[in-house]
Amino acid sequence: MTEPTGRIAAMLGPAASRGGVAFLGIGLVDAIGTGLYLAGSALFFTMVIGLSTAQVGIGLSVAGVLGLAAQPAIGWLADRWGPKRILMALNLYRAAGFTAYVMVDDFTGFIVVAAALGVGEQAVFPIYQALAEQLVGPEKRVAMMARMRVVFNVGFTLGALLTTVAVAIGTRWAFNAIILGNAASFVVAAALLWRIRLHGEETKVAKKSPLRLVALRDARYMAVAAVNGVLVLHISLLGIAVPLWATQHTSAPKPVVGVLLVVNTVLAVLFQVRASKGTETVGGSVRAMRIAGAALVACCALLAFAPRVESTPLLVGVLILGVVALTAGELYQSAGGWGLSYALAPNRSRAEYLATFNLGSSAQFVLGPSLVTVAVLGNGATGWLVLGACFAAAAAAVGPLAKAAESRTQLTESAEPDAVPA
């Protein structure tokens, strides 16, 4: 396999090497499988297993809570044994868990499998982050994650398109193929990970103390993670609040929801890398988070105003502008969040800190749907304006909080040496 050259190499940036291309390939395979699952899981759980929507919600909530609890410990393991090994293990673990889903035929079995999967599912992304840094170094790690995010978006879309074929067939075996396809993607990802060479980093085993979850006790770092968790609510806005608001609270035609999602996906693919420029430092990351906050405030204002627009073309235009602002918030929050999570994490416990920072994003998946449906949509335009004020407050707070956490990181790094080979 030759390394990419010319225009392709320029587009790949830090991924323009065999290891970098393989890393993006792993992300693409993972995302295609996940896209299959996300697009077809609700139908699989209700039509094949025979669960009610309430039972599905309970099971996935249990999985989400367990995923929250397990993330820091899994990050600690990645610091001890290396992110490559732990990510391979997580992929094989997920493959076994999703394979078990096709053997489930009642609510009890569903709860058991969902809970087991939840333990490892949410820790995957921060371990990807730790591995990206090992591949390309501190100067290019955010740029690599931006390209991985683009690959994820493409993979999710391809997986969702493949799901439409299985749904059209509509048999039990077709729905099983969705779940098994997701499981197979994790096996392939683990095999590709095994082939990545990290120039000796993976042979280093950190001399770490027993599990003490030091990141959770780092109040300054956790404060920055909490602010990031507020801004990451854009995920629930795009997936839940915007579709429901557009179809139930405005006179927009229902097909506009598909258009809005396409706009988001296209903009994310085209501009994520550009939004990540300059976010390798704390100052650059703070600027990105402030831009994200401003964009999300604009999104809330536009969506609050949308029901007052009577002309359908103008209404669709307002909704599209709202999603454009939402996407800008998404892109800059992602880049700023990656930059801060890296820059404020001590070298000796990098993966544990990254996994702990991800708790804010993971909490969004547990709390976000209820928050946006009850607190925001339930209060109409007022709910959107209050949410916008929360985004503004988070954007204003991120600078002072990041500065305080940075001073702690500098003191810690000067006082304690990095881990050394065993």
Protein backbone atom coordinates (compact mmCIF):
# COMPACT_ATOMS: atom_id res chain seq x y z
CA MET A 1 0.00 0.00 0.00
CA THR A 2 1.60 3.26 -1.12
CA GLU A 3 1.19 6.54 0.69
CA PRO A 4 -1.14 9.10 -0.97
CA THR A 5 0.50 11.95 -2.88
CA GLY A 6 -0.39 15.26 -4.49
CA ARG A 7 -3.87 16.68 -4.14
CA ILE A 8 -5.16 13.64 -2.23
CA ALA A 9 -2.33 13.99 0.30
CA ALA A 10 -3.16 17.68 0.78
CA MET A 11 -6.81 16.81 1.41
CA LEU A 12 -5.89 14.07 3.87
CA GLY A 13 -3.54 16.37 5.77
CA PRO A 14 -2.16 14.54 8.83
CA ALA A 15 -3.80 11.33 7.61
CA ALA A 16 -1.56 11.26 4.51
CA SER A 17 0.31 8.13 5.55
CA ARG A 18 -0.43 4.43 5.56
CA GLY A 19 -1.26 4.56 9.26
CA GLY A 20 -3.42 7.64 8.83
CA VAL A 21 -5.35 6.23 5.88
CA ALA A 22 -5.87 3.00 7.82
CA PHE A 23 -7.13 5.00 10.81
CA LEU A 24 -9.72 6.76 8.63
CA GLY A 25 -10.62 3.43 7.03
CA ILE A 26 -11.30 2.00 10.48
CA GLY A 27 -13.57 4.95 11.22
CA LEU A 28 -15.44 4.48 7.94
CA VAL A 29 -16.06 0.77 8.57
CA ASP A 30 -17.17 1.49 12.14
CA ALA A 31 -19.49 4.30 10.99
CA ILE A 32 -21.12 2.26 8.21
CA GLY A 33 -21.99 -0.44 10.73
CA THR A 34 -23.24 2.12 13.23
CA GLY A 35 -25.29 3.83 10.52
CA LEU A 36 -26.90 0.48 9.72
CA TYR A 37 -27.81 0.02 13.36
CA LEU A 38 -29.03 3.55 14.09
CA ALA A 39 -31.33 3.60 11.08
CA GLY A 40 -32.80 0.15 11.67
CA SER A 41 -32.55 -0.57 15.39
CA ALA A 42 -35.94 0.86 16.39
CA LEU A 43 -37.72 -1.36 13.88
CA PHE A 44 -35.61 -4.38 14.88
CA PHE A 45 -36.42 -3.96 18.56
CA THR A 46 -40.16 -3.44 18.04
CA MET A 47 -40.91 -5.66 15.03
CA VAL A 48 -38.45 -8.53 15.49
CA ILE A 49 -37.99 -8.79 19.28
CA GLY A 50 -41.51 -7.49 19.90
CA LEU A 51 -40.70 -4.79 22.45
CA SER A 52 -42.82 -1.74 23.14
CA THR A 53 -41.34 1.70 22.59
CA ALA A 54 -41.31 2.23 26.35
CA GLN A 55 -39.30 -0.97 26.86
CA VAL A 56 -36.81 0.10 24.20
CA GLY A 57 -36.41 3.46 25.92
CA ILE A 58 -35.84 1.84 29.31
CA GLY A 59 -33.21 -0.54 27.95
CA LEU A 60 -31.29 2.13 26.08
CA SER A 61 -31.44 4.45 29.09
CA VAL A 62 -29.91 1.72 31.25
CA ALA A 63 -27.20 1.27 28.64
CA GLY A 64 -26.54 5.01 28.61
CA VAL A 65 -26.17 5.25 32.38
CA LEU A 66 -23.78 2.27 32.50
CA GLY A 67 -21.79 3.77 29.65
CA LEU A 68 -21.40 6.97 31.65
CA ALA A 69 -20.17 5.07 34.69
CA ALA A 70 -17.67 2.95 32.78
CA GLN A 71 -15.94 5.58 30.65
CA PRO A 72 -13.29 6.88 33.09
CA ALA A 73 -12.26 3.34 34.05
CA ILE A 74 -11.91 2.31 30.41
CA GLY A 75 -9.83 5.42 29.81
CA TRP A 76 -7.59 4.40 32.71
CA LEU A 77 -7.13 0.99 31.07
CA ALA A 78 -6.15 2.70 27.81
CA ASP A 79 -3.46 4.65 29.66
CA ARG A 80 -2.22 1.38 31.21
CA TRP A 81 -2.29 -0.87 28.13
CA GLY A 82 -2.41 1.55 25.23
CA PRO A 83 -5.41 2.88 23.26
CA LYS A 84 -4.81 0.54 20.33
CA ARG A 85 -5.16 -2.61 22.43
CA ILE A 86 -8.18 -1.29 24.32
CA LEU A 87 -9.90 -0.13 21.12
CA MET A 88 -9.39 -3.56 19.56
CA ALA A 89 -10.86 -5.18 22.67
CA LEU A 90 -13.83 -2.78 22.66
CA ASN A 91 -14.56 -3.53 19.01
CA LEU A 92 -14.54 -7.30 19.59
CA TYR A 93 -16.66 -6.79 22.72
CA ARG A 94 -19.19 -4.76 20.72
CA ALA A 95 -19.21 -7.37 17.97
CA ALA A 96 -20.13 -10.07 20.50
CA GLY A 97 -22.79 -7.88 22.08
CA PHE A 98 -24.56 -6.99 18.84
CA THR A 99 -24.41 -10.61 17.70
CA ALA A 100 -26.20 -11.52 20.93
CA TYR A 101 -29.07 -9.20 19.98
CA VAL A 102 -30.24 -11.56 17.23
CA MET A 103 -30.75 -14.28 19.88
CA VAL A 104 -32.88 -12.06 22.14
CA ASP A 105 -36.62 -12.75 22.20
CA ASP A 106 -37.89 -10.95 25.31
CA PHE A 107 -37.48 -7.82 27.39
CA THR A 108 -35.21 -9.45 29.98
CA GLY A 109 -32.74 -10.58 27.35
CA PHE A 110 -32.82 -7.15 25.77
CA ILE A 111 -32.02 -5.43 29.07
CA VAL A 112 -29.09 -7.79 29.70
CA VAL A 113 -27.54 -7.31 26.25
CA ALA A 114 -28.19 -3.55 26.16
CA ALA A 115 -26.65 -3.13 29.61
CA ALA A 116 -23.57 -5.16 28.66
CA LEU A 117 -23.11 -3.18 25.46
CA GLY A 118 -23.59 0.09 27.28
CA VAL A 119 -20.50 -0.56 29.40
CA GLY A 120 -18.20 -0.36 26.39
CA GLU A 121 -20.10 1.52 23.71
CA GLN A 122 -19.65 5.14 24.78
CA ALA A 123 -15.95 4.89 25.62
CA VAL A 124 -15.00 4.16 22.02
CA PHE A 125 -14.76 7.74 20.74
CA PRO A 126 -12.35 9.10 23.39
CA ILE A 127 -10.13 6.07 22.82
CA TYR A 128 -10.13 6.98 19.12
CA GLN A 129 -8.97 10.43 20.26
CA ALA A 130 -6.09 8.99 22.26
CA LEU A 131 -5.05 6.79 19.34
CA ALA A 132 -5.18 9.74 16.92
CA GLU A 133 -2.69 11.61 19.09
CA GLN A 134 -0.35 8.64 19.12
CA LEU A 135 -0.54 8.43 15.33
CA VAL A 136 0.13 12.06 14.40
CA GLY A 137 1.35 13.85 17.53
CA PRO A 138 0.04 16.86 19.48
CA GLU A 139 0.32 19.35 16.61
CA LYS A 140 -1.97 17.46 14.24
CA ARG A 141 -4.32 15.55 16.54
CA VAL A 142 -7.33 17.89 16.18
CA ALA A 143 -6.91 18.01 12.40
CA MET A 144 -6.93 14.21 12.37
CA MET A 145 -10.08 14.07 14.48
CA ALA A 146 -11.76 16.57 12.15
CA ARG A 147 -11.10 14.26 9.22
CA MET A 148 -12.33 11.31 11.25
CA ARG A 149 -15.54 13.23 11.94
CA VAL A 150 -16.02 13.75 8.19
CA VAL A 151 -15.50 10.04 7.62
CA PHE A 152 -18.03 9.25 10.35
CA ASN A 153 -20.65 11.44 8.69
CA VAL A 154 -20.11 9.76 5.33
CA GLY A 155 -20.21 6.31 6.93
CA PHE A 156 -23.40 7.00 8.88
CA THR A 157 -25.08 8.10 5.66
CA LEU A 158 -23.94 5.03 3.72
CA GLY A 159 -25.07 2.73 6.53
CA ALA A 160 -28.48 4.39 6.68
CA LEU A 161 -28.89 3.96 2.92
CA LEU A 162 -28.06 0.26 3.20
CA THR A 163 -30.66 -0.08 5.93
CA THR A 164 -33.40 1.06 3.55
CA VAL A 165 -32.82 -2.12 1.52
CA ALA A 166 -33.30 -4.36 4.55
CA VAL A 167 -36.39 -2.41 5.65
CA ALA A 168 -37.86 -2.76 2.16
CA ILE A 169 -37.40 -6.53 2.32
CA GLY A 170 -38.96 -6.54 5.79
CA THR A 171 -38.23 -10.13 6.88
CA ARG A 172 -36.71 -11.20 10.19
CA TRP A 173 -33.53 -12.26 8.41
CA ALA A 174 -33.29 -8.87 6.72
CA PHE A 175 -33.49 -7.10 10.09
CA ASN A 176 -31.01 -9.60 11.59
CA ALA A 177 -28.66 -8.69 8.74
CA ILE A 178 -28.71 -5.06 9.94
CA ILE A 179 -27.56 -6.06 13.41
CA LEU A 180 -25.05 -8.66 12.21
CA GLY A 181 -23.68 -6.20 9.65
CA ASN A 182 -22.96 -3.82 12.50
CA ALA A 183 -21.26 -6.61 14.46
CA ALA A 184 -19.18 -7.56 11.41
CA SER A 185 -18.02 -3.96 11.01
CA PHE A 186 -16.46 -4.09 14.47
CA VAL A 187 -14.59 -7.30 13.68
CA VAL A 188 -13.20 -5.71 10.51
CA ALA A 189 -12.27 -2.57 12.45
CA ALA A 190 -10.42 -4.65 15.06
CA ALA A 191 -8.51 -6.48 12.32
CA LEU A 192 -7.50 -3.20 10.69
CA LEU A 193 -6.42 -1.80 14.05
CA TRP A 194 -4.12 -4.78 14.55
CA ARG A 195 -2.24 -3.80 11.38
CA ILE A 196 -1.58 -0.20 12.47
CA ARG A 197 1.98 0.40 13.64
CA LEU A 198 2.60 3.11 16.22
CA HIS A 199 6.41 3.35 16.10
CA GLY A 200 6.92 1.86 19.55
CA GLU A 201 4.38 3.84 21.57
CA GLU A 202 2.18 0.81 22.05
CA THR A 203 5.04 -1.12 23.67
CA LYS A 204 5.19 1.41 26.47
CA VAL A 205 3.17 0.48 29.50
CA ALA A 206 2.50 3.29 31.93
CA LYS A 207 3.49 2.83 35.54
CA LYS A 208 0.10 3.91 36.82
CA SER A 209 -1.23 3.83 40.33
CA PRO A 210 -4.29 1.69 41.15
CA LEU A 211 -7.55 2.92 39.70
CA ARG A 212 -8.42 6.16 41.50
CA LEU A 213 -10.29 8.07 38.77
CA VAL A 214 -8.22 11.21 39.26
CA ALA A 215 -9.88 12.98 36.31
CA LEU A 216 -13.27 12.84 38.01
CA ARG A 217 -11.76 14.63 41.01
CA ASP A 218 -10.20 17.35 38.86
CA ALA A 219 -12.85 20.02 39.43
CA ARG A 220 -11.40 22.48 36.91
CA TYR A 221 -11.28 19.96 34.10
CA MET A 222 -14.76 18.72 34.95
CA ALA A 223 -16.08 22.29 34.84
CA VAL A 224 -14.83 22.68 31.25
CA ALA A 225 -16.34 19.29 30.39
CA ALA A 226 -19.68 20.43 31.84
CA VAL A 227 -19.69 23.60 29.71
CA ASN A 228 -18.90 21.48 26.67
CA GLY A 229 -21.80 19.24 27.66
CA VAL A 230 -24.16 22.22 27.46
CA LEU A 231 -23.02 23.18 23.97
CA VAL A 232 -23.17 19.57 22.74
CA LEU A 233 -26.94 19.69 23.13
CA HIS A 234 -26.90 20.54 19.43
CA ILE A 235 -27.07 16.76 18.89
CA SER A 236 -30.52 16.50 20.45
CA LEU A 237 -31.62 19.66 18.68
CA LEU A 238 -30.81 18.25 15.26
CA GLY A 239 -32.12 14.75 15.84
CA ILE A 240 -35.23 15.52 17.91
CA ALA A 241 -36.10 19.16 18.52
CA VAL A 242 -35.76 20.58 15.00
CA PRO A 243 -37.81 17.83 13.25
CA LEU A 244 -40.58 18.01 15.87
CA TRP A 245 -40.61 21.81 15.91
CA ALA A 246 -40.70 22.10 12.12
CA THR A 247 -43.52 19.58 11.68
CA GLN A 248 -45.67 20.22 14.75
CA HIS A 249 -45.18 23.91 15.55
CA THR A 250 -44.85 25.49 12.11
CA SER A 251 -46.76 25.19 8.83
CA ALA A 252 -43.71 23.84 6.97
CA PRO A 253 -44.33 20.80 4.74
CA LYS A 254 -43.19 17.58 6.45
CA PRO A 255 -40.63 16.65 3.73
CA VAL A 256 -38.62 19.72 4.78
CA VAL A 257 -37.18 17.64 7.64
CA GLY A 258 -35.25 15.51 5.16
CA VAL A 259 -33.94 18.64 3.46
CA LEU A 260 -32.75 20.06 6.78
CA LEU A 261 -30.86 16.85 7.63
CA VAL A 262 -29.22 16.81 4.20
CA VAL A 263 -28.14 20.44 4.64
CA ASN A 264 -26.53 19.54 7.98
CA THR A 265 -24.74 16.49 6.59
CA VAL A 266 -23.37 18.27 3.52
CA LEU A 267 -22.13 21.27 5.51
CA ALA A 268 -20.53 19.00 8.13
CA VAL A 269 -18.64 17.05 5.49
CA LEU A 270 -17.49 20.18 3.65
CA PHE A 271 -16.52 22.41 6.55
CA GLN A 272 -15.53 20.32 9.60
CA VAL A 273 -11.84 20.37 8.70
CA ARG A 274 -11.90 24.14 8.12
CA ALA A 275 -13.65 24.74 11.45
CA SER A 276 -10.91 22.83 13.27
CA LYS A 277 -8.06 25.09 12.13
CA GLY A 278 -6.38 26.91 14.98
CA THR A 279 -7.85 24.74 17.74
CA GLU A 280 -4.65 22.94 18.75
CA THR A 281 -4.14 25.51 21.52
CA VAL A 282 -6.31 26.42 24.49
CA GLY A 283 -6.83 29.94 23.16
CA GLY A 284 -7.87 28.71 19.72
CA SER A 285 -10.21 26.15 21.22
CA VAL A 286 -11.87 28.76 23.43
CA ARG A 287 -12.44 30.96 20.37
CA ALA A 288 -14.04 28.02 18.58
CA MET A 289 -16.33 27.33 21.54
CA ARG A 290 -17.40 30.98 21.65
CA ILE A 291 -18.20 30.89 17.94
CA ALA A 292 -20.19 27.71 18.57
CA GLY A 293 -22.14 29.38 21.35
CA ALA A 294 -22.94 32.41 19.20
CA ALA A 295 -24.08 30.19 16.33
CA LEU A 296 -26.32 28.14 18.60
CA VAL A 297 -27.86 31.32 20.05
CA ALA A 298 -28.65 32.43 16.48
CA CYS A 299 -30.15 29.00 15.77
CA CYS A 300 -32.46 29.27 18.80
CA ALA A 301 -33.56 32.77 17.81
CA LEU A 302 -34.37 31.72 14.25
CA LEU A 303 -36.32 28.65 15.35
CA ALA A 304 -38.24 30.66 17.96
CA PHE A 305 -39.25 33.10 15.20
CA ALA A 306 -40.15 30.41 12.63
CA PRO A 307 -43.82 29.81 13.70
CA ARG A 308 -44.57 33.50 13.05
CA VAL A 309 -43.64 33.19 9.37
CA GLU A 310 -46.72 32.59 7.21
CA SER A 311 -45.15 32.35 3.75
CA THR A 312 -44.03 28.76 3.12
CA PRO A 313 -40.94 29.65 1.06
CA LEU A 314 -39.83 32.18 3.67
CA LEU A 315 -40.53 29.70 6.45
CA VAL A 316 -38.42 27.02 4.77
CA GLY A 317 -35.67 29.61 4.33
CA VAL A 318 -35.78 30.50 8.04
CA LEU A 319 -35.61 26.82 9.00
CA ILE A 320 -32.66 26.24 6.67
CA LEU A 321 -30.86 29.25 8.13
CA GLY A 322 -31.54 27.86 11.59
CA VAL A 323 -29.97 24.54 10.63
CA VAL A 324 -27.01 26.30 9.02
CA ALA A 325 -26.42 28.11 12.33
CA LEU A 326 -26.92 24.84 14.22
CA THR A 327 -24.36 23.12 11.99
CA ALA A 328 -21.86 25.93 12.56
CA GLY A 329 -22.35 25.43 16.27
CA GLU A 330 -21.82 21.69 15.85
CA LEU A 331 -18.61 22.06 13.84
CA TYR A 332 -16.97 24.66 16.08
CA GLN A 333 -18.06 22.95 19.29
CA SER A 334 -16.59 19.65 18.09
CA ALA A 335 -13.27 21.24 17.16
CA GLY A 336 -13.09 23.35 20.33
CA GLY A 337 -14.07 20.38 22.48
CA TRP A 338 -11.36 18.17 20.99
CA GLY A 339 -8.76 20.90 21.45
CA LEU A 340 -9.65 21.58 25.08
CA SER A 341 -9.94 17.92 26.02
CA TYR A 342 -6.42 17.30 24.69
CA ALA A 343 -4.71 20.48 25.85
CA LEU A 344 -6.05 20.40 29.41
CA ALA A 345 -5.35 16.70 30.02
CA PRO A 346 -2.09 15.69 31.74
CA ASN A 347 0.17 13.48 29.63
CA ARG A 348 0.38 10.78 32.28
CA SER A 349 -3.40 10.13 32.23
CA ARG A 350 -4.36 11.29 28.75
CA ALA A 351 -6.93 8.60 27.84
CA GLU A 352 -8.58 8.68 31.26
CA TYR A 353 -9.00 12.45 30.99
CA LEU A 354 -10.32 12.24 27.42
CA ALA A 355 -12.86 9.62 28.47
CA THR A 356 -13.90 11.75 31.43
CA PHE A 357 -14.29 14.83 29.24
CA ASN A 358 -16.60 12.78 27.01
CA LEU A 359 -19.01 12.35 29.94
CA GLY A 360 -20.59 15.68 28.98
CA SER A 361 -21.37 14.42 25.49
CA SER A 362 -22.58 11.07 26.80
CA ALA A 363 -24.86 12.72 29.34
CA GLN A 364 -26.51 14.52 26.45
CA PHE A 365 -27.65 11.18 25.04
CA VAL A 366 -29.25 10.29 28.38
CA LEU A 367 -30.73 13.66 29.34
CA GLY A 368 -30.90 15.57 26.05
CA PRO A 369 -34.04 14.02 24.53
CA SER A 370 -36.15 14.73 27.63
CA LEU A 371 -34.67 18.18 28.06
CA VAL A 372 -35.39 19.40 24.53
CA THR A 373 -38.86 17.87 24.31
CA VAL A 374 -40.11 18.92 27.75
CA ALA A 375 -38.20 22.08 28.61
CA VAL A 376 -37.73 23.54 25.14
CA LEU A 377 -40.55 22.36 22.87
CA GLY A 378 -42.99 22.26 25.78
CA ASN A 379 -42.53 26.01 26.30
CA GLY A 380 -42.62 27.10 22.67
CA ALA A 381 -40.65 30.19 21.64
CA THR A 382 -39.84 30.95 25.28
CA GLY A 383 -38.16 27.55 25.60
CA TRP A 384 -35.94 28.28 22.61
CA LEU A 385 -34.96 31.70 23.96
CA VAL A 386 -34.09 30.28 27.39
CA LEU A 387 -32.00 27.58 25.71
CA GLY A 388 -30.23 30.29 23.72
CA ALA A 389 -29.44 32.10 26.95
CA CYS A 390 -27.93 28.87 28.34
CA PHE A 391 -25.74 28.55 25.24
CA ALA A 392 -24.63 32.17 25.65
CA ALA A 393 -23.76 31.60 29.31
CA ALA A 394 -21.76 28.47 28.45
CA ALA A 395 -19.83 30.30 25.72
CA ALA A 396 -19.05 33.14 28.13
CA ALA A 397 -17.87 30.78 30.87
CA VAL A 398 -15.59 28.59 28.78
CA GLY A 399 -12.69 31.08 28.65
CA PRO A 400 -12.22 31.64 32.41
CA LEU A 401 -12.80 27.96 33.17
CA ALA A 402 -10.30 26.83 30.53
CA LYS A 403 -7.70 29.31 31.80
CA ALA A 404 -8.07 27.96 35.34
CA ALA A 405 -7.78 24.36 34.11
CA GLU A 406 -4.73 25.25 31.99
CA SER A 407 -2.89 26.69 34.99
CA ARG A 408 -3.57 23.45 36.88
CA THR A 409 -2.29 21.36 33.95
CA GLN A 410 0.94 23.35 33.74
CA LEU A 411 1.58 22.96 37.47
CA THR A 412 0.85 19.22 37.34
CA GLU A 413 3.05 18.60 34.29
CA SER A 414 5.98 20.44 35.87
CA ALA A 415 5.60 18.54 39.14
CA GLU A 416 5.09 14.99 37.84
CA PRO A 417 7.01 13.26 35.02
CA ASP A 418 5.27 11.35 32.25
CA ALA A 419 4.87 7.60 32.38
CA VAL A 420 7.97 5.67 31.42
CA PRO A 421 8.35 2.26 29.75
CA ALA A 422 7.89 -0.67 32.07
